[in-house]
N, C-alpha and C. Protein backbone atom coordinates (compact mmCIF):
# COMPACT_ATOMS: atom_id res chain seq x y z
N MET A 1 51.23 60.69 10.40
CA MET A 1 50.58 59.45 9.99
C MET A 1 50.12 59.58 8.54
N LYS A 2 50.53 58.64 7.71
CA LYS A 2 50.17 58.67 6.31
C LYS A 2 48.87 57.90 6.10
N LEU A 3 47.87 58.60 5.58
CA LEU A 3 46.56 58.01 5.38
C LEU A 3 46.41 57.35 4.02
N ASP A 4 47.39 57.53 3.13
CA ASP A 4 47.30 56.97 1.79
C ASP A 4 47.14 55.45 1.81
N ARG A 5 47.70 54.82 2.80
CA ARG A 5 47.63 53.36 2.86
C ARG A 5 46.21 52.86 3.09
N PHE A 6 45.32 53.75 3.52
CA PHE A 6 43.92 53.36 3.77
C PHE A 6 43.02 53.58 2.57
N SER A 7 43.53 54.18 1.50
CA SER A 7 42.66 54.53 0.38
C SER A 7 42.01 53.31 -0.28
N GLY A 8 42.76 52.23 -0.45
CA GLY A 8 42.19 51.02 -1.05
C GLY A 8 41.11 50.39 -0.20
N PRO A 9 41.40 50.09 1.07
CA PRO A 9 40.37 49.53 1.93
C PRO A 9 39.15 50.44 2.11
N VAL A 10 39.37 51.75 2.22
CA VAL A 10 38.24 52.68 2.38
C VAL A 10 37.39 52.69 1.11
N LEU A 11 38.02 52.65 -0.06
CA LEU A 11 37.26 52.57 -1.31
C LEU A 11 36.44 51.27 -1.34
N SER A 12 37.04 50.17 -0.91
CA SER A 12 36.30 48.90 -0.87
C SER A 12 35.10 48.98 0.06
N LEU A 13 35.29 49.58 1.23
CA LEU A 13 34.18 49.72 2.17
C LEU A 13 33.11 50.66 1.62
N PHE A 14 33.52 51.75 1.01
CA PHE A 14 32.57 52.68 0.40
C PHE A 14 31.72 51.97 -0.65
N ARG A 15 32.38 51.19 -1.53
CA ARG A 15 31.69 50.42 -2.56
C ARG A 15 30.70 49.45 -1.95
N ALA A 16 31.14 48.71 -0.95
CA ALA A 16 30.29 47.68 -0.34
C ALA A 16 29.08 48.30 0.36
N VAL A 17 29.28 49.35 1.11
CA VAL A 17 28.16 49.99 1.82
C VAL A 17 27.18 50.60 0.83
N THR A 18 27.68 51.26 -0.20
CA THR A 18 26.80 51.85 -1.20
C THR A 18 26.00 50.77 -1.92
N GLY A 19 26.66 49.68 -2.28
CA GLY A 19 25.96 48.56 -2.92
C GLY A 19 24.92 47.93 -2.01
N LEU A 20 25.26 47.79 -0.73
CA LEU A 20 24.32 47.20 0.23
C LEU A 20 23.07 48.07 0.39
N LEU A 21 23.26 49.38 0.52
CA LEU A 21 22.12 50.28 0.66
C LEU A 21 21.24 50.23 -0.59
N PHE A 22 21.84 50.15 -1.75
CA PHE A 22 21.09 50.06 -3.01
C PHE A 22 20.34 48.73 -3.08
N LEU A 23 21.01 47.66 -2.68
CA LEU A 23 20.39 46.34 -2.63
C LEU A 23 19.16 46.34 -1.73
N PHE A 24 19.25 47.00 -0.58
CA PHE A 24 18.12 47.08 0.34
C PHE A 24 16.92 47.77 -0.31
N HIS A 25 17.16 48.80 -1.10
CA HIS A 25 16.06 49.46 -1.81
C HIS A 25 15.39 48.49 -2.77
N GLY A 26 16.20 47.70 -3.47
CA GLY A 26 15.63 46.71 -4.39
C GLY A 26 14.83 45.64 -3.67
N LEU A 27 15.36 45.14 -2.57
CA LEU A 27 14.64 44.13 -1.78
C LEU A 27 13.30 44.68 -1.28
N ALA A 28 13.31 45.90 -0.78
CA ALA A 28 12.10 46.52 -0.25
C ALA A 28 11.06 46.68 -1.35
N SER A 29 11.49 47.10 -2.52
CA SER A 29 10.54 47.38 -3.60
C SER A 29 10.03 46.12 -4.28
N ILE A 30 10.85 45.12 -4.44
CA ILE A 30 10.42 43.91 -5.14
C ILE A 30 9.68 42.95 -4.23
N PHE A 31 10.15 42.79 -2.98
CA PHE A 31 9.55 41.81 -2.08
C PHE A 31 8.69 42.41 -0.98
N GLY A 32 8.66 43.72 -0.86
CA GLY A 32 7.86 44.36 0.17
C GLY A 32 8.41 44.20 1.58
N VAL A 33 9.68 43.86 1.69
CA VAL A 33 10.32 43.69 3.00
C VAL A 33 10.99 45.00 3.41
N LEU A 34 11.50 45.06 4.61
CA LEU A 34 12.24 46.23 5.10
C LEU A 34 11.42 47.52 4.97
N GLY A 35 10.13 47.40 5.18
CA GLY A 35 9.26 48.57 5.08
C GLY A 35 8.57 48.70 3.74
N GLY A 36 8.97 47.90 2.77
CA GLY A 36 8.34 47.93 1.46
C GLY A 36 8.75 49.14 0.64
N ASN A 37 8.14 49.24 -0.53
CA ASN A 37 8.43 50.33 -1.45
C ASN A 37 8.00 51.66 -0.85
N ARG A 38 8.94 52.56 -0.69
CA ARG A 38 8.71 53.90 -0.14
C ARG A 38 7.99 53.86 1.21
N GLY A 39 8.28 52.82 1.99
CA GLY A 39 7.73 52.71 3.34
C GLY A 39 6.27 52.31 3.41
N THR A 40 5.71 51.81 2.31
CA THR A 40 4.29 51.43 2.28
C THR A 40 4.04 50.03 2.82
N GLY A 41 5.10 49.24 2.95
CA GLY A 41 4.95 47.85 3.34
C GLY A 41 4.56 46.95 2.18
N GLN A 42 4.42 47.53 1.01
CA GLN A 42 4.00 46.79 -0.18
C GLN A 42 5.15 46.70 -1.19
N ALA A 43 5.04 45.70 -2.05
CA ALA A 43 5.99 45.57 -3.15
C ALA A 43 5.46 46.34 -4.36
N VAL A 44 6.35 46.69 -5.27
CA VAL A 44 5.94 47.30 -6.53
C VAL A 44 5.30 46.22 -7.39
N GLU A 45 4.27 46.59 -8.11
CA GLU A 45 3.59 45.62 -8.98
C GLU A 45 4.57 45.07 -10.01
N PHE A 46 4.54 43.75 -10.20
CA PHE A 46 5.46 43.07 -11.11
C PHE A 46 5.41 43.70 -12.50
N GLY A 47 6.58 44.06 -13.01
CA GLY A 47 6.71 44.58 -14.37
C GLY A 47 6.30 46.03 -14.56
N ALA A 48 5.86 46.70 -13.50
CA ALA A 48 5.41 48.10 -13.64
C ALA A 48 6.58 48.99 -14.02
N TRP A 49 6.33 49.85 -15.03
CA TRP A 49 7.36 50.78 -15.48
C TRP A 49 7.21 52.10 -14.76
N PRO A 50 8.26 52.71 -14.31
CA PRO A 50 9.65 52.25 -14.26
C PRO A 50 10.00 51.62 -12.92
N GLY A 51 9.07 51.65 -11.93
CA GLY A 51 9.38 51.25 -10.56
C GLY A 51 9.93 49.85 -10.39
N TRP A 52 9.26 48.87 -11.01
CA TRP A 52 9.70 47.49 -10.82
C TRP A 52 11.06 47.27 -11.48
N TRP A 53 11.26 47.87 -12.64
CA TRP A 53 12.53 47.71 -13.35
C TRP A 53 13.67 48.40 -12.62
N ALA A 54 13.38 49.55 -12.04
CA ALA A 54 14.39 50.24 -11.23
C ALA A 54 14.76 49.38 -10.02
N ALA A 55 13.75 48.78 -9.40
CA ALA A 55 14.00 47.91 -8.24
C ALA A 55 14.82 46.70 -8.63
N LEU A 56 14.58 46.17 -9.82
CA LEU A 56 15.36 45.03 -10.30
C LEU A 56 16.83 45.43 -10.48
N ILE A 57 17.06 46.61 -11.05
CA ILE A 57 18.43 47.13 -11.18
C ILE A 57 19.05 47.28 -9.79
N GLN A 58 18.30 47.83 -8.86
CA GLN A 58 18.81 48.02 -7.50
C GLN A 58 19.18 46.68 -6.87
N LEU A 59 18.36 45.68 -7.06
CA LEU A 59 18.59 44.37 -6.47
C LEU A 59 19.80 43.67 -7.09
N VAL A 60 19.78 43.52 -8.39
CA VAL A 60 20.82 42.75 -9.08
C VAL A 60 22.16 43.49 -9.08
N PHE A 61 22.15 44.72 -9.54
CA PHE A 61 23.42 45.44 -9.67
C PHE A 61 23.91 45.96 -8.33
N GLY A 62 23.00 46.20 -7.38
CA GLY A 62 23.43 46.53 -6.03
C GLY A 62 24.20 45.37 -5.41
N ALA A 63 23.72 44.14 -5.65
CA ALA A 63 24.41 42.95 -5.14
C ALA A 63 25.78 42.78 -5.81
N LEU A 64 25.85 43.06 -7.10
CA LEU A 64 27.14 42.94 -7.81
C LEU A 64 28.13 43.98 -7.30
N VAL A 65 27.67 45.21 -7.09
CA VAL A 65 28.57 46.24 -6.56
C VAL A 65 28.98 45.88 -5.13
N LEU A 66 28.05 45.40 -4.33
CA LEU A 66 28.35 45.00 -2.95
C LEU A 66 29.49 43.98 -2.91
N THR A 67 29.41 42.97 -3.76
CA THR A 67 30.41 41.92 -3.75
C THR A 67 31.68 42.28 -4.52
N GLY A 68 31.56 43.34 -5.35
CA GLY A 68 32.72 43.73 -6.14
C GLY A 68 32.92 42.85 -7.35
N LEU A 69 31.83 42.37 -7.93
CA LEU A 69 31.88 41.52 -9.11
C LEU A 69 31.32 42.30 -10.30
N LEU A 70 32.06 42.36 -11.40
CA LEU A 70 31.67 43.17 -12.56
C LEU A 70 31.37 44.60 -12.10
N THR A 71 32.23 45.10 -11.24
CA THR A 71 31.95 46.31 -10.48
C THR A 71 31.78 47.55 -11.35
N ARG A 72 32.70 47.79 -12.25
CA ARG A 72 32.65 49.05 -13.00
C ARG A 72 31.38 49.16 -13.85
N ILE A 73 31.06 48.13 -14.59
CA ILE A 73 29.86 48.18 -15.44
C ILE A 73 28.59 48.21 -14.57
N SER A 74 28.59 47.45 -13.48
CA SER A 74 27.43 47.45 -12.58
C SER A 74 27.22 48.82 -11.95
N ALA A 75 28.30 49.44 -11.51
CA ALA A 75 28.21 50.77 -10.91
C ALA A 75 27.76 51.80 -11.94
N LEU A 76 28.20 51.66 -13.17
CA LEU A 76 27.77 52.58 -14.22
C LEU A 76 26.28 52.44 -14.50
N ILE A 77 25.78 51.23 -14.51
CA ILE A 77 24.34 51.00 -14.70
C ILE A 77 23.55 51.58 -13.53
N CYS A 78 24.04 51.37 -12.31
CA CYS A 78 23.38 51.94 -11.13
C CYS A 78 23.38 53.47 -11.20
N SER A 79 24.50 54.04 -11.57
CA SER A 79 24.61 55.49 -11.68
C SER A 79 23.63 56.03 -12.72
N GLY A 80 23.57 55.37 -13.85
CA GLY A 80 22.65 55.80 -14.90
C GLY A 80 21.20 55.69 -14.48
N SER A 81 20.86 54.64 -13.75
CA SER A 81 19.47 54.50 -13.30
C SER A 81 19.09 55.60 -12.32
N MET A 82 20.05 56.02 -11.50
CA MET A 82 19.76 57.11 -10.55
C MET A 82 19.75 58.47 -11.24
N ALA A 83 20.55 58.64 -12.30
CA ALA A 83 20.47 59.87 -13.09
C ALA A 83 19.10 59.97 -13.76
N TYR A 84 18.63 58.84 -14.30
CA TYR A 84 17.30 58.80 -14.89
C TYR A 84 16.24 59.15 -13.84
N ALA A 85 16.34 58.54 -12.67
CA ALA A 85 15.38 58.82 -11.60
C ALA A 85 15.39 60.29 -11.24
N TYR A 86 16.58 60.86 -11.15
CA TYR A 86 16.65 62.27 -10.77
C TYR A 86 16.02 63.17 -11.83
N PHE A 87 16.43 63.01 -13.07
CA PHE A 87 15.98 63.93 -14.11
C PHE A 87 14.54 63.69 -14.56
N VAL A 88 14.04 62.47 -14.45
CA VAL A 88 12.67 62.19 -14.89
C VAL A 88 11.67 62.36 -13.76
N VAL A 89 12.03 61.94 -12.55
CA VAL A 89 11.09 61.97 -11.44
C VAL A 89 11.22 63.24 -10.60
N HIS A 90 12.43 63.60 -10.23
CA HIS A 90 12.64 64.67 -9.26
C HIS A 90 12.82 66.06 -9.90
N GLN A 91 13.69 66.17 -10.87
CA GLN A 91 14.05 67.47 -11.42
C GLN A 91 12.87 68.25 -12.00
N PRO A 92 11.86 67.61 -12.61
CA PRO A 92 10.72 68.41 -13.09
C PRO A 92 9.99 69.18 -11.98
N GLU A 93 10.10 68.71 -10.74
CA GLU A 93 9.45 69.41 -9.63
C GLU A 93 10.20 70.68 -9.24
N HIS A 94 11.50 70.63 -9.29
CA HIS A 94 12.35 71.79 -8.96
C HIS A 94 13.77 71.41 -9.34
N LEU A 95 14.60 72.41 -9.61
CA LEU A 95 15.98 72.14 -10.02
C LEU A 95 16.84 71.59 -8.89
N LEU A 96 16.68 72.13 -7.69
CA LEU A 96 17.56 71.76 -6.58
C LEU A 96 17.09 70.48 -5.88
N PRO A 97 18.03 69.56 -5.62
CA PRO A 97 17.66 68.31 -4.96
C PRO A 97 16.99 68.49 -3.60
N LEU A 98 17.41 69.48 -2.86
CA LEU A 98 16.82 69.72 -1.55
C LEU A 98 15.34 70.06 -1.65
N LEU A 99 14.95 70.67 -2.76
CA LEU A 99 13.57 71.11 -2.94
C LEU A 99 12.71 70.12 -3.73
N ASN A 100 13.33 69.15 -4.38
CA ASN A 100 12.55 68.20 -5.17
C ASN A 100 12.59 66.76 -4.64
N GLY A 101 13.23 66.55 -3.49
CA GLY A 101 13.29 65.22 -2.90
C GLY A 101 14.27 64.28 -3.58
N GLY A 102 15.16 64.81 -4.38
CA GLY A 102 16.07 63.96 -5.14
C GLY A 102 17.46 63.80 -4.57
N GLU A 103 17.64 64.17 -3.29
CA GLU A 103 18.99 64.08 -2.71
C GLU A 103 19.54 62.66 -2.79
N LEU A 104 18.73 61.67 -2.44
CA LEU A 104 19.21 60.29 -2.42
C LEU A 104 19.56 59.83 -3.84
N ALA A 105 18.74 60.17 -4.81
CA ALA A 105 19.03 59.80 -6.20
C ALA A 105 20.35 60.44 -6.65
N ALA A 106 20.54 61.72 -6.31
CA ALA A 106 21.77 62.40 -6.70
C ALA A 106 22.99 61.79 -6.01
N LEU A 107 22.87 61.51 -4.72
CA LEU A 107 23.99 60.90 -3.99
C LEU A 107 24.33 59.52 -4.53
N PHE A 108 23.32 58.69 -4.77
CA PHE A 108 23.58 57.36 -5.34
C PHE A 108 24.21 57.49 -6.72
N CYS A 109 23.70 58.40 -7.54
CA CYS A 109 24.22 58.58 -8.89
C CYS A 109 25.72 58.88 -8.84
N TRP A 110 26.10 59.88 -8.05
CA TRP A 110 27.50 60.27 -8.00
C TRP A 110 28.37 59.26 -7.25
N SER A 111 27.81 58.59 -6.27
CA SER A 111 28.57 57.55 -5.56
C SER A 111 28.91 56.39 -6.48
N PHE A 112 27.93 55.94 -7.24
CA PHE A 112 28.19 54.84 -8.17
C PHE A 112 29.11 55.28 -9.31
N PHE A 113 28.99 56.53 -9.73
CA PHE A 113 29.90 57.03 -10.76
C PHE A 113 31.34 57.03 -10.26
N LEU A 114 31.54 57.41 -9.00
CA LEU A 114 32.86 57.37 -8.39
C LEU A 114 33.42 55.95 -8.39
N VAL A 115 32.59 54.97 -8.02
CA VAL A 115 33.03 53.58 -8.01
C VAL A 115 33.34 53.11 -9.44
N ALA A 116 32.53 53.51 -10.41
CA ALA A 116 32.78 53.12 -11.80
C ALA A 116 34.12 53.66 -12.29
N VAL A 117 34.47 54.86 -11.87
CA VAL A 117 35.73 55.48 -12.32
C VAL A 117 36.93 54.91 -11.55
N LEU A 118 36.81 54.82 -10.22
CA LEU A 118 37.96 54.40 -9.41
C LEU A 118 38.11 52.88 -9.30
N GLY A 119 37.06 52.13 -9.57
CA GLY A 119 37.12 50.68 -9.47
C GLY A 119 36.68 50.19 -8.10
N PRO A 120 36.73 48.89 -7.89
CA PRO A 120 36.15 48.29 -6.69
C PRO A 120 37.02 48.36 -5.44
N GLY A 121 38.29 48.68 -5.58
CA GLY A 121 39.19 48.60 -4.44
C GLY A 121 39.73 47.18 -4.29
N PRO A 122 40.64 46.99 -3.36
CA PRO A 122 41.32 45.69 -3.24
C PRO A 122 40.45 44.58 -2.63
N TRP A 123 39.44 44.92 -1.86
CA TRP A 123 38.59 43.91 -1.22
C TRP A 123 37.35 43.69 -2.07
N ALA A 124 37.53 43.05 -3.20
CA ALA A 124 36.43 42.81 -4.14
C ALA A 124 36.68 41.49 -4.87
N LEU A 125 35.59 40.88 -5.31
CA LEU A 125 35.73 39.65 -6.08
C LEU A 125 36.49 39.91 -7.39
N ASP A 126 36.27 41.08 -7.99
CA ASP A 126 37.02 41.42 -9.20
C ASP A 126 38.52 41.37 -8.94
N ALA A 127 38.96 41.97 -7.82
CA ALA A 127 40.39 41.98 -7.48
C ALA A 127 40.89 40.56 -7.26
N LEU A 128 40.10 39.73 -6.61
CA LEU A 128 40.48 38.35 -6.36
C LEU A 128 40.60 37.57 -7.67
N LEU A 129 39.65 37.76 -8.58
CA LEU A 129 39.69 37.06 -9.86
C LEU A 129 40.88 37.51 -10.69
N HIS A 130 41.19 38.79 -10.68
CA HIS A 130 42.35 39.29 -11.44
C HIS A 130 43.65 38.79 -10.83
N ARG A 131 43.70 38.69 -9.51
CA ARG A 131 44.89 38.17 -8.83
C ARG A 131 45.12 36.71 -9.21
N ASP A 132 44.03 35.92 -9.28
CA ASP A 132 44.14 34.51 -9.63
C ASP A 132 44.66 34.32 -11.05
N ARG A 133 44.35 35.28 -11.94
CA ARG A 133 44.81 35.21 -13.32
C ARG A 133 46.19 35.81 -13.49
N GLY A 134 46.75 36.33 -12.39
CA GLY A 134 48.09 36.90 -12.44
C GLY A 134 48.13 38.30 -13.02
N GLU A 135 46.97 38.97 -13.13
CA GLU A 135 46.93 40.32 -13.66
C GLU A 135 47.25 41.32 -12.56
N ALA A 136 47.75 42.45 -12.96
CA ALA A 136 48.03 43.52 -11.99
C ALA A 136 46.72 44.04 -11.44
N THR A 137 46.66 44.25 -10.13
CA THR A 137 45.43 44.71 -9.50
C THR A 137 45.61 46.01 -8.76
N ALA A 138 46.75 46.65 -8.93
CA ALA A 138 46.97 47.89 -8.19
C ALA A 138 45.91 48.91 -8.54
N HIS A 139 45.27 49.43 -7.55
CA HIS A 139 44.25 50.44 -7.70
C HIS A 139 44.95 51.76 -8.03
N PRO A 140 44.55 52.48 -9.10
CA PRO A 140 45.31 53.66 -9.54
C PRO A 140 45.61 54.66 -8.42
N PRO A 141 44.62 55.10 -7.59
CA PRO A 141 44.99 56.05 -6.53
C PRO A 141 45.98 55.45 -5.53
N VAL A 142 45.82 54.16 -5.26
CA VAL A 142 46.73 53.50 -4.32
C VAL A 142 48.12 53.43 -4.94
N ALA A 143 48.19 53.07 -6.21
CA ALA A 143 49.48 52.97 -6.89
C ALA A 143 50.15 54.35 -6.95
N ALA A 144 49.37 55.39 -7.23
CA ALA A 144 49.92 56.75 -7.27
C ALA A 144 50.43 57.16 -5.90
N ALA A 145 49.69 56.80 -4.86
CA ALA A 145 50.11 57.15 -3.51
C ALA A 145 51.41 56.43 -3.15
N ARG A 146 51.52 55.18 -3.59
CA ARG A 146 52.75 54.43 -3.31
C ARG A 146 53.95 55.06 -4.02
N MET A 147 53.71 55.48 -5.27
CA MET A 147 54.81 56.11 -6.01
C MET A 147 55.23 57.41 -5.35
N GLY A 148 54.26 58.18 -4.89
CA GLY A 148 54.57 59.42 -4.18
C GLY A 148 55.32 59.17 -2.89
N ALA A 149 54.94 58.10 -2.18
CA ALA A 149 55.59 57.76 -0.92
C ALA A 149 57.03 57.31 -1.15
N GLU A 150 57.26 56.59 -2.29
CA GLU A 150 58.60 56.12 -2.60
C GLU A 150 59.53 57.29 -2.92
N ARG A 151 58.98 58.34 -3.53
CA ARG A 151 59.80 59.50 -3.89
C ARG A 151 60.16 60.33 -2.67
N ALA A 152 59.30 60.30 -1.66
CA ALA A 152 59.52 61.13 -0.46
C ALA A 152 60.63 60.60 0.43
């Protein structure tokens, strides 16, 4: 069974789930829903640095990544915000994520970086918009897998 044919849809699902989880963090922190900021049941104070601004990035760009709209730049912004969170908030406590509580920041950072590099996958608004304009939308890993399959 060749699994290459699933790479595009799996990338799309990975992007959507990662964006949704990030969006939930933003909703919790800005509106105090879903347990609130860090499980306190409260929202972050409006405009507070850096918490409120981080939550705004999580809300807006998490939604964009979820839908696959402006995906690469949105994912890069999300990745950068999590790198900032890791190195400014967590890393001063200890180098290793397991010991400084930064596992989630590190995972989000690298997950969004992966999406920024590989793109949104075929199930994204970006792919739909490019298709409507007649542009090629082949996802590089998917296209490479197809070429390899054709040679075999």
